[in-house]
N, C-alpha and C. Protein backbone atom coordinates (compact mmCIF):
# COMPACT_ATOMS: atom_id res chain seq x y z
N MET A 1 -8.87 73.17 87.85
CA MET A 1 -9.66 72.29 87.00
C MET A 1 -8.76 71.03 86.81
N VAL A 2 -9.60 69.89 87.05
CA VAL A 2 -8.91 68.64 86.66
C VAL A 2 -9.14 68.25 85.26
N GLN A 3 -8.10 67.75 84.83
CA GLN A 3 -8.20 67.45 83.37
C GLN A 3 -8.35 65.84 83.20
N ASN A 4 -9.42 65.50 82.51
CA ASN A 4 -10.01 64.18 82.32
C ASN A 4 -9.08 63.60 81.02
N SER A 5 -8.23 62.47 81.34
CA SER A 5 -7.65 61.87 80.16
C SER A 5 -8.36 61.46 78.85
N LEU A 6 -9.68 61.40 79.08
CA LEU A 6 -10.54 60.87 77.81
C LEU A 6 -11.04 61.97 77.22
N VAL A 7 -10.89 63.09 77.58
CA VAL A 7 -11.41 64.38 76.90
C VAL A 7 -10.04 65.07 76.20
N PRO A 8 -10.13 65.10 74.91
CA PRO A 8 -9.20 65.44 73.98
C PRO A 8 -8.81 67.05 74.43
N LYS A 9 -7.75 67.46 73.95
CA LYS A 9 -7.27 68.74 74.16
C LYS A 9 -7.98 69.87 73.21
N HIS A 10 -8.53 71.00 73.85
CA HIS A 10 -9.33 72.00 73.22
C HIS A 10 -8.40 73.20 73.44
N ARG A 11 -8.32 74.12 72.34
CA ARG A 11 -7.83 75.22 72.54
C ARG A 11 -8.39 76.27 71.54
N LYS A 12 -8.42 77.51 71.72
CA LYS A 12 -8.87 78.59 70.89
C LYS A 12 -7.89 78.87 69.80
N ILE A 13 -8.26 78.98 68.74
CA ILE A 13 -7.14 79.56 67.48
C ILE A 13 -7.26 80.88 67.30
N SER A 14 -6.11 81.48 66.87
CA SER A 14 -6.08 82.88 66.57
C SER A 14 -6.85 83.25 65.30
N GLU A 15 -7.03 84.44 65.01
CA GLU A 15 -7.57 85.15 63.96
C GLU A 15 -6.65 84.55 62.58
N GLU A 16 -5.33 84.66 62.73
CA GLU A 16 -4.47 84.26 61.91
C GLU A 16 -4.58 82.77 61.45
N GLU A 17 -4.73 81.99 62.50
CA GLU A 17 -4.61 80.53 62.19
C GLU A 17 -6.30 80.26 61.68
N LEU A 18 -7.28 80.96 61.91
CA LEU A 18 -8.58 80.72 61.18
C LEU A 18 -8.27 81.12 59.91
N GLN A 19 -7.70 82.17 59.37
CA GLN A 19 -7.70 82.52 58.09
C GLN A 19 -7.09 81.49 57.12
N GLU A 20 -5.83 81.03 57.82
CA GLU A 20 -5.17 79.87 57.37
C GLU A 20 -6.01 78.69 57.12
N LEU A 21 -6.59 78.12 57.98
CA LEU A 21 -7.64 77.20 58.07
C LEU A 21 -8.50 77.33 57.00
N LEU A 22 -9.27 78.32 56.81
CA LEU A 22 -10.44 78.64 55.86
C LEU A 22 -9.76 78.51 54.44
N GLN A 23 -8.51 79.09 54.05
CA GLN A 23 -7.98 79.12 52.93
C GLN A 23 -7.58 77.68 52.60
N ARG A 24 -6.95 77.04 53.50
CA ARG A 24 -6.59 75.60 53.17
C ARG A 24 -7.50 74.60 52.84
N HIS A 25 -8.80 74.90 53.56
CA HIS A 25 -9.73 73.99 53.13
C HIS A 25 -10.81 74.58 52.17
N SER A 26 -10.38 75.75 51.58
CA SER A 26 -11.33 76.38 50.71
C SER A 26 -12.71 76.57 51.33
N LEU A 27 -12.83 77.13 52.31
CA LEU A 27 -14.19 77.52 53.05
C LEU A 27 -14.29 79.01 52.78
N SER A 28 -15.62 79.52 52.54
CA SER A 28 -15.98 81.12 52.34
C SER A 28 -16.07 81.59 53.74
N ASP A 29 -16.43 80.92 54.84
CA ASP A 29 -16.31 81.62 56.18
C ASP A 29 -16.41 80.48 57.16
N LYS A 30 -16.29 80.98 58.33
CA LYS A 30 -16.26 79.84 59.56
C LYS A 30 -17.63 79.27 59.99
N SER A 31 -18.70 79.94 59.31
CA SER A 31 -19.83 79.07 59.72
C SER A 31 -20.13 77.87 58.91
N LYS A 32 -19.35 77.52 58.01
CA LYS A 32 -19.14 76.27 57.06
C LYS A 32 -18.53 75.20 58.30
N LEU A 33 -17.99 75.56 59.38
CA LEU A 33 -17.26 74.41 60.26
C LEU A 33 -18.37 73.88 60.87
N PRO A 34 -18.00 72.64 61.36
CA PRO A 34 -19.00 71.87 62.44
C PRO A 34 -19.11 72.81 63.68
N LYS A 35 -20.00 72.67 64.55
CA LYS A 35 -20.30 73.40 65.46
C LYS A 35 -20.34 72.69 66.94
N ILE A 36 -19.81 73.35 67.97
CA ILE A 36 -19.80 72.91 69.37
C ILE A 36 -20.37 73.94 70.21
N ARG A 37 -21.32 73.57 71.37
CA ARG A 37 -21.87 74.48 71.98
C ARG A 37 -21.00 75.25 72.99
N GLU A 38 -21.28 76.42 73.32
CA GLU A 38 -20.57 77.28 74.23
C GLU A 38 -20.57 76.68 75.56
N LYS A 39 -21.57 75.85 76.03
CA LYS A 39 -21.72 75.38 77.29
C LYS A 39 -21.12 73.90 77.36
N ASP A 40 -20.40 73.51 76.42
CA ASP A 40 -20.02 72.13 76.32
C ASP A 40 -19.02 71.89 77.53
N ALA A 41 -18.97 70.86 78.28
CA ALA A 41 -18.20 70.75 79.15
C ALA A 41 -16.67 70.57 79.06
N ALA A 42 -16.43 70.14 77.55
CA ALA A 42 -14.95 70.28 77.27
C ALA A 42 -14.22 71.55 77.23
N LEU A 43 -15.17 72.55 76.98
CA LEU A 43 -14.64 73.91 76.98
C LEU A 43 -14.66 74.66 78.40
N ALA A 44 -15.03 74.14 79.30
CA ALA A 44 -15.01 74.74 80.65
C ALA A 44 -13.49 74.86 80.96
N GLY A 45 -13.60 76.33 81.70
CA GLY A 45 -12.23 76.68 82.20
C GLY A 45 -11.41 77.60 80.89
N LEU A 46 -12.03 77.40 79.56
CA LEU A 46 -11.27 78.24 78.58
C LEU A 46 -11.95 79.57 78.39
N GLU A 47 -11.44 80.58 78.12
CA GLU A 47 -12.03 81.90 77.71
C GLU A 47 -12.46 81.86 76.22
N ILE A 48 -13.70 81.08 76.22
CA ILE A 48 -14.24 80.84 74.95
C ILE A 48 -15.65 81.61 74.95
N GLN A 49 -15.90 81.99 73.63
CA GLN A 49 -17.30 82.66 73.42
C GLN A 49 -17.89 82.45 72.22
N ALA A 50 -19.20 82.46 71.85
CA ALA A 50 -19.81 82.41 70.68
C ALA A 50 -19.05 82.95 69.63
N GLY A 51 -18.86 82.34 68.44
CA GLY A 51 -18.17 82.78 67.43
C GLY A 51 -16.58 82.58 67.39
N ASP A 52 -16.15 82.03 68.44
CA ASP A 52 -14.56 81.51 68.53
C ASP A 52 -14.65 80.17 67.73
N VAL A 53 -13.32 79.74 67.31
CA VAL A 53 -13.26 78.51 66.82
C VAL A 53 -12.19 77.83 67.37
N VAL A 54 -12.37 76.65 68.03
CA VAL A 54 -11.41 75.73 68.74
C VAL A 54 -10.77 74.63 67.87
N GLU A 55 -9.69 74.33 68.21
CA GLU A 55 -8.81 73.27 67.67
C GLU A 55 -8.98 72.17 68.62
N ILE A 56 -9.32 70.91 68.28
CA ILE A 56 -9.38 69.72 69.25
C ILE A 56 -8.42 68.72 68.59
N THR A 57 -7.55 68.31 69.55
CA THR A 57 -6.43 67.38 69.27
C THR A 57 -6.82 66.03 69.83
N ARG A 58 -7.08 65.07 68.94
CA ARG A 58 -7.54 63.72 69.38
C ARG A 58 -6.46 62.83 69.26
N LYS A 59 -6.31 62.09 70.08
CA LYS A 59 -4.96 61.13 70.00
C LYS A 59 -5.60 59.46 69.71
N SER A 60 -4.84 58.84 68.90
CA SER A 60 -5.36 57.72 68.56
C SER A 60 -4.14 56.58 68.37
N PHE A 61 -4.17 55.26 68.14
CA PHE A 61 -3.04 54.43 67.84
C PHE A 61 -2.18 55.17 66.47
N ALA A 62 -3.05 55.70 65.69
CA ALA A 62 -2.32 56.43 64.32
C ALA A 62 -1.77 57.63 64.73
N GLY A 63 -1.72 58.10 65.73
CA GLY A 63 -1.05 59.34 66.09
C GLY A 63 -2.04 60.61 66.54
N GLU A 64 -1.88 61.78 66.23
CA GLU A 64 -2.86 62.69 66.65
C GLU A 64 -3.52 63.34 65.38
N THR A 65 -4.72 63.72 65.64
CA THR A 65 -5.73 64.30 64.51
C THR A 65 -6.28 65.46 64.99
N LEU A 66 -6.36 66.72 64.13
CA LEU A 66 -6.94 67.86 64.46
C LEU A 66 -8.16 68.28 63.92
N TYR A 67 -9.14 68.49 64.66
CA TYR A 67 -10.45 68.85 64.35
C TYR A 67 -10.84 70.27 64.66
N TYR A 68 -11.65 70.97 63.94
CA TYR A 68 -12.05 72.19 64.27
C TYR A 68 -13.52 72.47 64.35
N ARG A 69 -13.99 73.22 65.39
CA ARG A 69 -15.21 73.58 65.59
C ARG A 69 -15.65 74.97 65.87
N LEU A 70 -16.71 75.47 65.35
CA LEU A 70 -17.17 76.72 65.86
C LEU A 70 -17.81 77.02 66.89
N VAL A 71 -17.66 77.89 67.83
CA VAL A 71 -18.38 77.96 69.17
C VAL A 71 -19.66 78.62 68.88
N VAL A 72 -20.99 77.85 69.31
CA VAL A 72 -22.14 78.55 69.02
C VAL A 72 -22.93 78.57 70.47
């Protein structure tokens, strides 16, 4: 798989990381997170399925920012 420099890094987070994320942001469950489709091209090559949560690392001039999406 060829990595495009314009596509931010995506990775599946563990159940432990998910629980910490939900607690840190006072969310009752992962369904409150923004969504990303399972067939999204950025997820190609990852072992992702509906219900997983991915961490997206976006780079900018200000540094790196983390975003989280629920795979649907």
